[in-house]
Amino acid sequence: MRTRLTLWLLVVPVVAWALFGFLGERLSSSLTARFGPRIVASGDGKFTEPQPFVKRRLKEFAELVTGASLLILAHRRVAAVALQRLPTPARWIAQGWSAFICLNIFAALAAHTVLFWTLLYTGKIHINNYTQYRIKQGLLEEAEAPSQALLMGASQTRAQIDARVLNKRLGRKIWTTELHFPGSSVYDMVLCLERLPKVRLEYIITYFSEGNIYGGHDNQRVMYFFGIRDLAAYWTLGPGKPGFDRNFVSGLMKDIFPLYRVWGPFVDRAQFWQTQNLKQEQYNASLENDLVERAQRAAKSYSMGPESRFQKRAFTTFAKMCRERGCRLVVCCGQSNPILDRALDPALRRDMMAFLHEQARQDTNIILLEESQLPRQVEGDYEDLTHVNEAARARFSQYLAEALEKLTRANSRPAVGTSASGHNNLKNSLPLVDDWQAFVGHAF
């Protein structure tokens, strides 16, 4: 029986790869012919061609089958040796640790495949935020356009900009992926950018308001994006950096034990959407119905101090990372609901704009779209204090798509070179339009 199982574990990966090699194209075509429209609809604009998507998932299936088979064989070998050489209960401990280590290795392998995260998908509205993020991140390397753009930041970036509008207009030249994460601070964006695959990026676009710098951020996102490699840099961040709390410890533990990293999304998938709905309903119930009262409460958490100075330093680091990747950083200097804007100290806006103008003056890789240039948004355009409705989102997305289209036409960008140190050669990567403010004024 043991010999037969070992034989099966050796044969199954060979069969999986043989089937993929000989039938992968045919099977992906057949599945696309039958389920293509449904697959594209489920993708919600993350890709447009279902057949390449399906074929890559078939390849990932063969990879996961291979990994699982080899890990089971390795565990069986360790368990056999422990049974022969160790007394009870040491053999049980060795077998338990072997199984635990193999499960973590498999979780690490699976987490690098889109197939795994797609299996955890529970629908557009109820999906776990990290599951959604990892699916979109994994698809970055599969975009067929010659270059790409990213939407990064907190939920306000997602609420303002619809990637589907940008892709409808520019998708053949520049494919845009929305990679927001709710509640993200500038420091969180730095951690996210460090973990992106090395695809060719043309633009990184973010929507900025006072909350990005002065809003008093918590540390919940760092459990997903902070890891061992960030630990040394964290201690050098200086005053105002977020306190090292359980979220940072959780991020380190998820690096050490990959099974822990995927456990939350896996549990959410097992429970489907009830937990997600309950959390959202509890949050909605906790909010005041009176937006004016809510704005006054929210405004009290906005302030200048060590934390805001830290977020400014993080922005400088983020802009430098964009420059080193050879992509331009587009900052939409936007707004919140006018009800909240009126409740905020006007000094915050002046300080933010002075800082962004100084950064753009020092770094020509930064493009500032000022509030006066953006589509005007009134109280009726907002669903709450920070998120606009679909009509306002469509207007803003059309404006940004036109701006990027005109900028792209004006910039015949040469290929990005690479220096001996591995960083992008900026002389070849910077666009030809130097005065973006004058360009926008001329174009619009």
Protein backbone atom coordinates (compact mmCIF):
# COMPACT_ATOMS: atom_id res chain seq x y z
CA MET A 1 0.00 0.00 0.00
CA ARG A 2 2.78 2.44 0.90
CA THR A 3 4.69 1.57 -2.27
CA ARG A 4 1.56 2.14 -4.37
CA LEU A 5 0.94 5.55 -2.77
CA THR A 6 4.57 6.55 -3.35
CA LEU A 7 4.26 5.51 -6.98
CA TRP A 8 1.09 7.59 -7.36
CA LEU A 9 2.76 10.63 -5.83
CA LEU A 10 5.56 10.31 -8.37
CA VAL A 11 3.30 9.68 -11.36
CA VAL A 12 0.64 12.35 -10.73
CA PRO A 13 2.98 15.36 -11.31
CA VAL A 14 4.31 13.78 -14.51
CA VAL A 15 0.77 13.21 -15.75
CA ALA A 16 -0.27 16.77 -14.80
CA TRP A 17 2.58 18.32 -16.76
CA ALA A 18 2.06 15.96 -19.70
CA LEU A 19 -1.61 16.87 -19.88
CA PHE A 20 -0.77 20.56 -19.69
CA GLY A 21 1.89 20.24 -22.40
CA PHE A 22 -0.28 18.29 -24.82
CA LEU A 23 -3.79 19.44 -23.96
CA GLY A 24 -3.28 22.80 -22.25
CA GLU A 25 -4.03 24.87 -25.35
CA ARG A 26 -7.01 22.76 -26.36
CA LEU A 27 -8.48 22.62 -22.86
CA SER A 28 -8.09 26.35 -22.29
CA SER A 29 -9.78 27.02 -25.65
CA SER A 30 -12.64 24.69 -24.77
CA LEU A 31 -13.19 26.26 -21.35
CA THR A 32 -13.01 29.74 -22.87
CA ALA A 33 -15.57 28.85 -25.54
CA ARG A 34 -17.96 27.61 -22.89
CA PHE A 35 -17.35 29.95 -19.96
CA GLY A 36 -15.41 32.87 -21.50
CA PRO A 37 -18.00 35.64 -20.93
CA ARG A 38 -18.61 34.46 -17.36
CA ILE A 39 -14.87 34.35 -16.65
CA VAL A 40 -14.36 37.90 -17.96
CA ALA A 41 -17.39 39.15 -16.01
CA SER A 42 -16.06 37.57 -12.81
CA GLY A 43 -12.70 39.22 -13.47
CA ASP A 44 -14.36 42.65 -13.20
CA GLY A 45 -11.93 44.32 -15.59
CA LYS A 46 -8.76 42.69 -14.22
CA PHE A 47 -8.13 41.09 -17.63
CA THR A 48 -9.81 41.07 -21.04
CA GLU A 49 -8.63 37.85 -22.71
CA PRO A 50 -10.01 34.74 -20.95
CA GLN A 51 -7.98 32.09 -22.80
CA PRO A 52 -4.50 33.22 -21.63
CA PHE A 53 -5.93 33.60 -18.13
CA VAL A 54 -7.31 30.05 -18.13
CA LYS A 55 -4.15 28.56 -19.63
CA ARG A 56 -1.95 30.15 -16.95
CA ARG A 57 -4.26 28.82 -14.24
CA LEU A 58 -3.91 25.32 -15.71
CA LYS A 59 -0.13 25.68 -15.50
CA GLU A 60 -0.40 26.83 -11.88
CA PHE A 61 -2.56 23.78 -11.16
CA ALA A 62 0.24 21.53 -12.44
CA GLU A 63 2.71 23.46 -10.26
CA LEU A 64 0.57 23.04 -7.15
CA VAL A 65 0.00 19.33 -7.81
CA THR A 66 3.76 18.88 -8.19
CA GLY A 67 4.51 20.81 -5.01
CA ALA A 68 1.89 18.93 -3.01
CA SER A 69 3.10 15.53 -4.21
CA LEU A 70 6.76 16.22 -3.45
CA LEU A 71 5.95 17.62 -0.01
CA ILE A 72 3.83 14.59 0.87
CA LEU A 73 6.70 12.34 -0.19
CA ALA A 74 9.12 14.36 1.92
CA HIS A 75 6.83 14.19 4.95
CA ARG A 76 6.36 10.45 4.56
CA ARG A 77 10.12 9.97 4.45
CA VAL A 78 10.68 12.06 7.58
CA ALA A 79 7.83 10.25 9.37
CA ALA A 80 9.32 6.87 8.45
CA VAL A 81 12.76 7.81 9.75
CA ALA A 82 11.27 9.19 12.96
CA LEU A 83 9.27 5.99 13.44
CA GLN A 84 12.42 3.89 13.10
CA ARG A 85 14.87 5.94 15.12
CA LEU A 86 12.97 7.95 17.73
CA PRO A 87 11.13 6.78 20.80
CA THR A 88 7.64 7.86 21.74
CA PRO A 89 6.69 10.76 22.11
CA ALA A 90 9.70 12.22 20.23
CA ARG A 91 8.56 10.51 17.02
CA TRP A 92 5.15 12.19 17.31
CA ILE A 93 6.76 15.58 17.80
CA ALA A 94 9.04 15.06 14.76
CA GLN A 95 6.12 13.91 12.62
CA GLY A 96 3.97 16.84 13.73
CA TRP A 97 6.67 19.40 12.98
CA SER A 98 7.32 17.76 9.61
CA ALA A 99 3.65 18.06 8.67
CA PHE A 100 3.53 21.68 9.91
CA ILE A 101 6.65 22.67 7.95
CA CYS A 102 5.36 20.99 4.77
CA LEU A 103 2.01 22.78 5.11
CA ASN A 104 3.82 26.12 5.43
CA ILE A 105 6.00 25.42 2.40
CA PHE A 106 2.90 24.55 0.38
CA ALA A 107 1.15 27.71 1.60
CA ALA A 108 4.16 29.76 0.46
CA LEU A 109 4.09 28.09 -2.98
CA ALA A 110 0.32 28.47 -3.32
CA ALA A 111 0.37 32.13 -2.29
CA HIS A 112 2.52 32.92 -5.33
CA THR A 113 -0.17 31.65 -7.71
CA VAL A 114 -3.27 33.50 -8.88
CA LEU A 115 -5.13 30.18 -8.93
CA PHE A 116 -4.91 29.81 -5.16
CA TRP A 117 -6.24 33.31 -4.48
CA THR A 118 -8.92 32.90 -7.14
CA LEU A 119 -10.21 29.84 -5.28
CA LEU A 120 -10.68 32.12 -2.25
CA TYR A 121 -12.72 34.62 -4.29
CA THR A 122 -16.21 35.16 -2.82
CA GLY A 123 -17.59 37.84 -5.10
CA LYS A 124 -16.81 41.47 -5.84
CA ILE A 125 -18.63 42.94 -2.84
CA HIS A 126 -17.80 40.43 -0.12
CA ILE A 127 -14.25 39.39 -0.98
CA ASN A 128 -11.50 39.61 1.62
CA ASN A 129 -9.42 42.74 0.94
CA TYR A 130 -6.10 40.89 0.99
CA THR A 131 -7.43 38.17 -1.34
CA GLN A 132 -8.53 40.86 -3.80
CA TYR A 133 -5.15 42.57 -3.54
CA ARG A 134 -3.16 39.39 -4.18
CA ILE A 135 -5.22 38.44 -7.23
CA LYS A 136 -4.61 41.83 -8.82
CA GLN A 137 -0.94 41.81 -7.83
CA GLY A 138 -0.47 38.36 -9.36
CA LEU A 139 -2.06 39.45 -12.63
CA LEU A 140 0.44 42.32 -13.07
CA GLU A 141 2.92 40.02 -14.77
CA GLU A 142 0.28 38.79 -17.19
CA ALA A 143 -0.79 42.13 -18.66
CA GLU A 144 -0.26 42.11 -22.42
CA ALA A 145 0.09 45.87 -22.84
CA PRO A 146 3.66 47.11 -23.38
CA SER A 147 3.52 49.14 -20.16
CA GLN A 148 1.42 49.47 -17.04
CA ALA A 149 0.02 51.99 -14.57
CA LEU A 150 -0.97 51.40 -10.96
CA LEU A 151 -3.58 53.05 -8.77
CA MET A 152 -2.22 53.01 -5.22
CA GLY A 153 -3.37 54.43 -1.92
CA ALA A 154 -6.36 54.16 0.40
CA SER A 155 -10.01 53.59 -0.50
CA GLN A 156 -10.35 57.22 -1.65
CA THR A 157 -8.13 56.38 -4.65
CA ARG A 158 -10.42 53.50 -5.58
CA ALA A 159 -13.55 55.61 -5.02
CA GLN A 160 -12.29 58.41 -7.29
CA ILE A 161 -10.70 56.43 -10.14
CA ASP A 162 -12.19 53.54 -12.12
CA ALA A 163 -9.40 51.50 -13.72
CA ARG A 164 -11.88 50.13 -16.28
CA VAL A 165 -12.38 53.63 -17.71
CA LEU A 166 -8.62 54.10 -18.08
CA ASN A 167 -8.20 50.68 -19.69
CA LYS A 168 -11.03 51.27 -22.14
CA ARG A 169 -9.16 54.30 -23.42
CA LEU A 170 -5.50 53.37 -22.95
CA GLY A 171 -5.48 49.62 -22.33
CA ARG A 172 -3.67 48.65 -25.52
CA LYS A 173 -0.73 50.90 -24.62
CA ILE A 174 -0.89 51.17 -20.83
CA TRP A 175 -2.82 48.69 -18.74
CA THR A 176 -4.02 50.10 -15.40
CA THR A 177 -4.36 47.95 -12.30
CA GLU A 178 -6.13 49.22 -9.19
CA LEU A 179 -4.01 48.21 -6.18
CA HIS A 180 -5.53 50.26 -3.38
CA PHE A 181 -5.79 48.87 0.14
CA PRO A 182 -8.34 50.34 2.58
CA GLY A 183 -6.88 52.73 5.12
CA SER A 184 -3.41 52.82 3.57
CA SER A 185 -1.01 55.50 4.76
CA VAL A 186 1.97 56.66 2.70
CA TYR A 187 4.19 54.32 4.71
CA ASP A 188 1.90 51.41 3.79
CA MET A 189 2.28 52.37 0.13
CA VAL A 190 6.06 52.14 0.52
CA LEU A 191 5.74 48.61 1.89
CA CYS A 192 3.37 47.65 -0.95
CA LEU A 193 5.62 49.04 -3.68
CA GLU A 194 8.59 47.08 -2.35
CA ARG A 195 6.65 43.85 -2.93
CA LEU A 196 5.45 44.46 -6.47
CA PRO A 197 6.86 42.30 -9.29
CA LYS A 198 9.37 43.97 -11.58
CA VAL A 199 6.98 44.80 -14.41
CA ARG A 200 7.41 47.82 -16.68
CA LEU A 201 5.51 50.67 -15.02
CA GLU A 202 4.73 53.94 -16.75
CA TYR A 203 2.75 55.67 -13.98
CA ILE A 204 1.85 55.21 -10.34
CA ILE A 205 -1.28 57.24 -9.58
CA THR A 206 -2.62 58.16 -6.17
CA TYR A 207 -5.37 60.44 -4.88
CA PHE A 208 -4.22 62.73 -2.09
CA SER A 209 -6.16 64.67 0.52
CA GLU A 210 -5.36 65.82 4.04
CA GLY A 211 -6.12 62.39 5.46
CA ASN A 212 -3.08 60.85 3.74
CA ILE A 213 -0.67 62.87 5.88
CA TYR A 214 -2.55 64.24 8.89
CA GLY A 215 -5.30 61.68 9.47
CA GLY A 216 -3.84 59.72 12.38
CA HIS A 217 -3.39 56.26 10.87
CA ASP A 218 -3.59 52.92 12.62
CA ASN A 219 -1.29 49.97 11.87
CA GLN A 220 -3.74 47.32 10.69
CA ARG A 221 -2.35 47.09 7.13
CA VAL A 222 1.22 46.35 8.21
CA MET A 223 0.24 42.79 9.20
CA TYR A 224 -0.14 42.10 5.46
CA PHE A 225 2.84 44.03 4.08
CA PHE A 226 5.47 44.26 6.81
CA GLY A 227 8.06 41.50 6.94
CA ILE A 228 11.48 40.45 8.15
CA ARG A 229 13.28 42.36 5.40
CA ASP A 230 11.63 45.62 6.59
CA LEU A 231 12.68 45.20 10.20
CA ALA A 232 16.15 46.78 9.97
CA ALA A 233 14.85 49.81 8.04
CA TYR A 234 11.99 50.26 10.53
CA TRP A 235 14.36 51.06 13.40
CA THR A 236 15.95 53.86 11.36
CA LEU A 237 12.69 55.63 10.47
CA GLY A 238 13.01 58.28 13.15
CA PRO A 239 10.40 60.20 15.18
CA GLY A 240 6.73 59.76 14.43
CA LYS A 241 7.03 56.22 13.08
CA PRO A 242 4.14 53.87 14.00
CA GLY A 243 4.62 52.05 17.27
CA PHE A 244 5.81 48.47 17.06
CA ASP A 245 2.59 46.71 18.03
CA ARG A 246 0.94 43.34 17.49
CA ASN A 247 0.31 44.16 13.81
CA PHE A 248 4.05 44.38 13.17
CA VAL A 249 4.59 41.15 15.11
CA SER A 250 1.83 39.55 13.04
CA GLY A 251 3.59 40.62 9.83
CA LEU A 252 6.83 39.01 11.02
CA MET A 253 5.02 35.81 12.01
CA LYS A 254 3.39 35.64 8.58
CA ASP A 255 6.85 35.79 7.01
CA ILE A 256 8.06 32.95 9.21
CA PHE A 257 4.88 30.87 8.88
CA PRO A 258 3.25 31.44 5.44
CA LEU A 259 0.26 29.36 6.53
CA TYR A 260 -0.58 32.13 8.97
CA ARG A 261 -0.56 34.68 6.10
CA VAL A 262 -3.24 32.84 4.14
CA TRP A 263 -5.28 31.67 7.13
CA GLY A 264 -7.53 34.74 7.40
CA PRO A 265 -8.56 34.77 3.72
CA PHE A 266 -9.02 30.98 3.86
CA VAL A 267 -11.36 31.25 6.85
CA ASP A 268 -13.30 34.06 5.18
CA ARG A 269 -13.72 31.86 2.12
CA ALA A 270 -14.90 28.94 4.27
CA GLN A 271 -17.46 31.19 5.96
CA PHE A 272 -18.28 32.83 2.61
CA TRP A 273 -19.45 36.41 3.19
CA GLN A 274 -21.30 36.36 6.52
CA THR A 275 -18.31 37.62 8.54
CA GLN A 276 -17.50 40.35 6.03
CA ASN A 277 -21.11 41.53 6.03
CA LEU A 278 -21.31 41.54 9.82
CA LYS A 279 -18.19 43.70 10.16
CA GLN A 280 -19.48 46.17 7.58
CA GLU A 281 -22.90 46.35 9.20
CA GLN A 282 -21.35 46.96 12.62
CA TYR A 283 -19.17 49.72 11.18
CA ASN A 284 -22.11 51.36 9.40
CA ALA A 285 -24.19 51.24 12.58
CA SER A 286 -21.43 52.97 14.52
CA LEU A 287 -21.43 56.02 12.22
CA GLU A 288 -23.46 59.11 12.93
CA ASN A 289 -26.22 59.84 10.43
CA ASP A 290 -25.43 63.55 10.64
CA LEU A 291 -22.46 64.14 8.32
CA VAL A 292 -21.74 67.51 9.91
CA GLU A 293 -21.43 65.94 13.34
CA ARG A 294 -19.36 63.10 11.91
CA ALA A 295 -17.06 65.59 10.15
CA GLN A 296 -16.48 67.52 13.36
CA ARG A 297 -15.56 64.32 15.16
CA ALA A 298 -13.27 63.18 12.35
CA ALA A 299 -11.54 66.56 12.11
CA LYS A 300 -10.29 66.23 15.69
CA SER A 301 -8.00 63.35 14.63
CA TYR A 302 -6.29 65.48 11.92
CA SER A 303 -3.19 67.28 13.14
CA MET A 304 0.37 68.32 12.34
CA GLY A 305 3.07 66.71 14.43
CA PRO A 306 5.64 63.92 14.48
CA GLU A 307 3.28 61.48 12.73
CA SER A 308 2.58 63.85 9.82
CA ARG A 309 6.29 64.59 9.46
CA PHE A 310 6.93 60.85 9.33
CA GLN A 311 4.34 60.43 6.54
CA LYS A 312 6.05 63.24 4.63
CA ARG A 313 9.37 61.41 4.89
CA ALA A 314 7.60 58.28 3.70
CA PHE A 315 6.27 60.19 0.69
CA THR A 316 9.82 61.28 -0.19
CA THR A 317 10.91 57.63 -0.01
CA PHE A 318 7.94 56.54 -2.10
CA ALA A 319 8.69 59.14 -4.79
CA LYS A 320 12.32 58.01 -4.87
CA MET A 321 11.25 54.38 -5.32
CA CYS A 322 8.99 55.41 -8.22
CA ARG A 323 11.90 57.26 -9.82
CA GLU A 324 14.20 54.26 -9.44
CA ARG A 325 11.61 52.05 -11.14
CA GLY A 326 11.46 54.49 -14.05
CA CYS A 327 7.79 55.38 -13.57
CA ARG A 328 6.22 58.76 -12.99
CA LEU A 329 4.32 59.47 -9.81
CA VAL A 330 0.98 61.20 -10.51
CA VAL A 331 -0.50 62.82 -7.41
CA CYS A 332 -4.10 63.98 -7.70
CA CYS A 333 -4.25 66.78 -5.12
CA GLY A 334 -7.92 66.26 -4.43
CA GLN A 335 -10.42 66.90 -1.70
CA SER A 336 -12.86 65.25 0.67
CA ASN A 337 -16.53 65.99 1.10
CA PRO A 338 -16.81 69.80 1.44
CA ILE A 339 -18.53 69.15 4.77
CA LEU A 340 -15.30 67.59 6.09
CA ASP A 341 -13.08 70.14 4.33
CA ARG A 342 -14.89 72.97 6.14
CA ALA A 343 -14.37 71.24 9.48
CA LEU A 344 -10.61 70.84 8.94
CA ASP A 345 -8.02 73.42 9.90
CA PRO A 346 -7.16 75.32 6.66
CA ALA A 347 -3.51 75.24 7.72
CA LEU A 348 -3.46 71.51 6.92
CA ARG A 349 -4.23 72.11 3.24
CA ARG A 350 -1.68 74.92 3.00
CA ASP A 351 0.98 72.77 4.64
CA MET A 352 0.19 69.76 2.43
CA MET A 353 0.30 71.76 -0.80
CA ALA A 354 3.51 73.55 0.19
CA PHE A 355 5.11 70.18 0.88
CA LEU A 356 3.92 68.62 -2.40
CA HIS A 357 5.01 71.64 -4.44
CA GLU A 358 8.46 71.50 -2.85
CA GLN A 359 8.73 67.79 -3.60
CA ALA A 360 7.67 68.32 -7.21
CA ARG A 361 10.18 71.16 -7.55
CA GLN A 362 13.00 68.93 -6.35
CA ASP A 363 11.87 65.85 -8.28
CA THR A 364 10.67 66.36 -11.87
CA ASN A 365 9.44 62.77 -11.85
CA ILE A 366 6.43 63.89 -9.77
CA ILE A 367 3.31 65.15 -11.54
CA LEU A 368 0.89 67.20 -9.45
CA LEU A 369 -2.70 67.57 -10.57
CA GLU A 370 -3.99 70.44 -8.46
CA GLU A 371 -7.53 70.62 -7.09
CA SER A 372 -8.28 73.60 -9.34
CA GLN A 373 -7.50 71.44 -12.39
CA LEU A 374 -9.61 68.47 -11.27
CA PRO A 375 -13.37 68.09 -11.83
CA ARG A 376 -15.20 70.04 -9.12
CA GLN A 377 -17.02 67.88 -6.56
CA VAL A 378 -19.82 69.14 -4.34
CA GLU A 379 -21.56 67.66 -1.30
CA GLY A 380 -24.08 65.83 -3.48
CA ASP A 381 -21.26 63.90 -5.18
CA TYR A 382 -20.32 62.11 -1.95
CA GLU A 383 -21.76 59.02 -0.31
CA ASP A 384 -19.98 59.84 2.96
CA LEU A 385 -17.13 62.11 4.06
CA THR A 386 -14.50 60.77 1.65
CA HIS A 387 -16.03 58.52 -1.02
CA VAL A 388 -17.78 59.84 -4.11
CA ASN A 389 -20.72 58.21 -5.86
CA GLU A 390 -20.50 56.42 -9.22
CA ALA A 391 -21.42 59.47 -11.30
CA ALA A 392 -18.65 61.59 -9.78
CA ARG A 393 -16.24 58.67 -10.11
CA ALA A 394 -17.02 58.35 -13.80
CA ARG A 395 -16.42 62.08 -14.41
CA PHE A 396 -13.12 62.04 -12.56
CA SER A 397 -11.96 58.85 -14.31
CA GLN A 398 -12.76 60.28 -17.74
CA TYR A 399 -10.77 63.41 -16.90
CA LEU A 400 -7.76 61.39 -15.73
CA ALA A 401 -7.94 59.09 -18.76
CA GLU A 402 -7.86 62.11 -21.08
CA ALA A 403 -4.96 63.65 -19.15
CA LEU A 404 -2.92 60.45 -19.31
CA GLU A 405 -3.73 59.98 -22.97
CA LYS A 406 -2.50 63.47 -23.85
CA LEU A 407 0.59 63.07 -21.70
CA THR A 408 1.37 59.69 -23.28
CA ARG A 409 1.01 61.09 -26.79
CA ALA A 410 3.33 63.96 -25.91
CA ASN A 411 6.00 61.66 -24.53
CA SER A 412 7.67 59.25 -26.91
CA ARG A 413 9.35 57.45 -24.05
CA PRO A 414 12.59 55.58 -24.89
CA ALA A 415 13.28 52.17 -23.41
CA VAL A 416 14.36 52.22 -19.80
CA GLY A 417 18.02 51.35 -19.34
CA THR A 418 19.63 49.80 -16.33
CA SER A 419 22.72 51.04 -14.59
CA ALA A 420 25.46 48.84 -13.22
CA SER A 421 23.85 49.03 -9.78
CA GLY A 422 20.57 47.65 -11.14
CA HIS A 423 18.58 50.89 -10.87
CA ASN A 424 16.75 52.39 -13.83
CA ASN A 425 18.59 54.96 -15.92
CA LEU A 426 16.57 58.10 -15.35
CA LYS A 427 17.99 59.95 -18.33
CA ASN A 428 16.23 57.47 -20.58
CA SER A 429 13.06 57.16 -18.50
CA LEU A 430 11.93 60.74 -17.87
CA PRO A 431 9.19 62.02 -20.19
CA LEU A 432 9.88 64.88 -22.59
CA VAL A 433 7.24 67.16 -21.06
CA ASP A 434 8.99 69.03 -18.25
CA ASP A 435 6.35 71.60 -17.31
CA TRP A 436 3.29 69.51 -16.49
CA GLN A 437 1.32 72.47 -15.16
CA ALA A 438 1.74 74.35 -18.43
CA PHE A 439 0.93 71.20 -20.39
CA VAL A 440 -2.29 70.58 -18.49
CA GLY A 441 -3.33 74.19 -18.84
CA HIS A 442 -2.76 73.99 -22.59
CA ALA A 443 -4.45 70.64 -23.00
CA PHE A 444 -7.56 71.38 -20.94
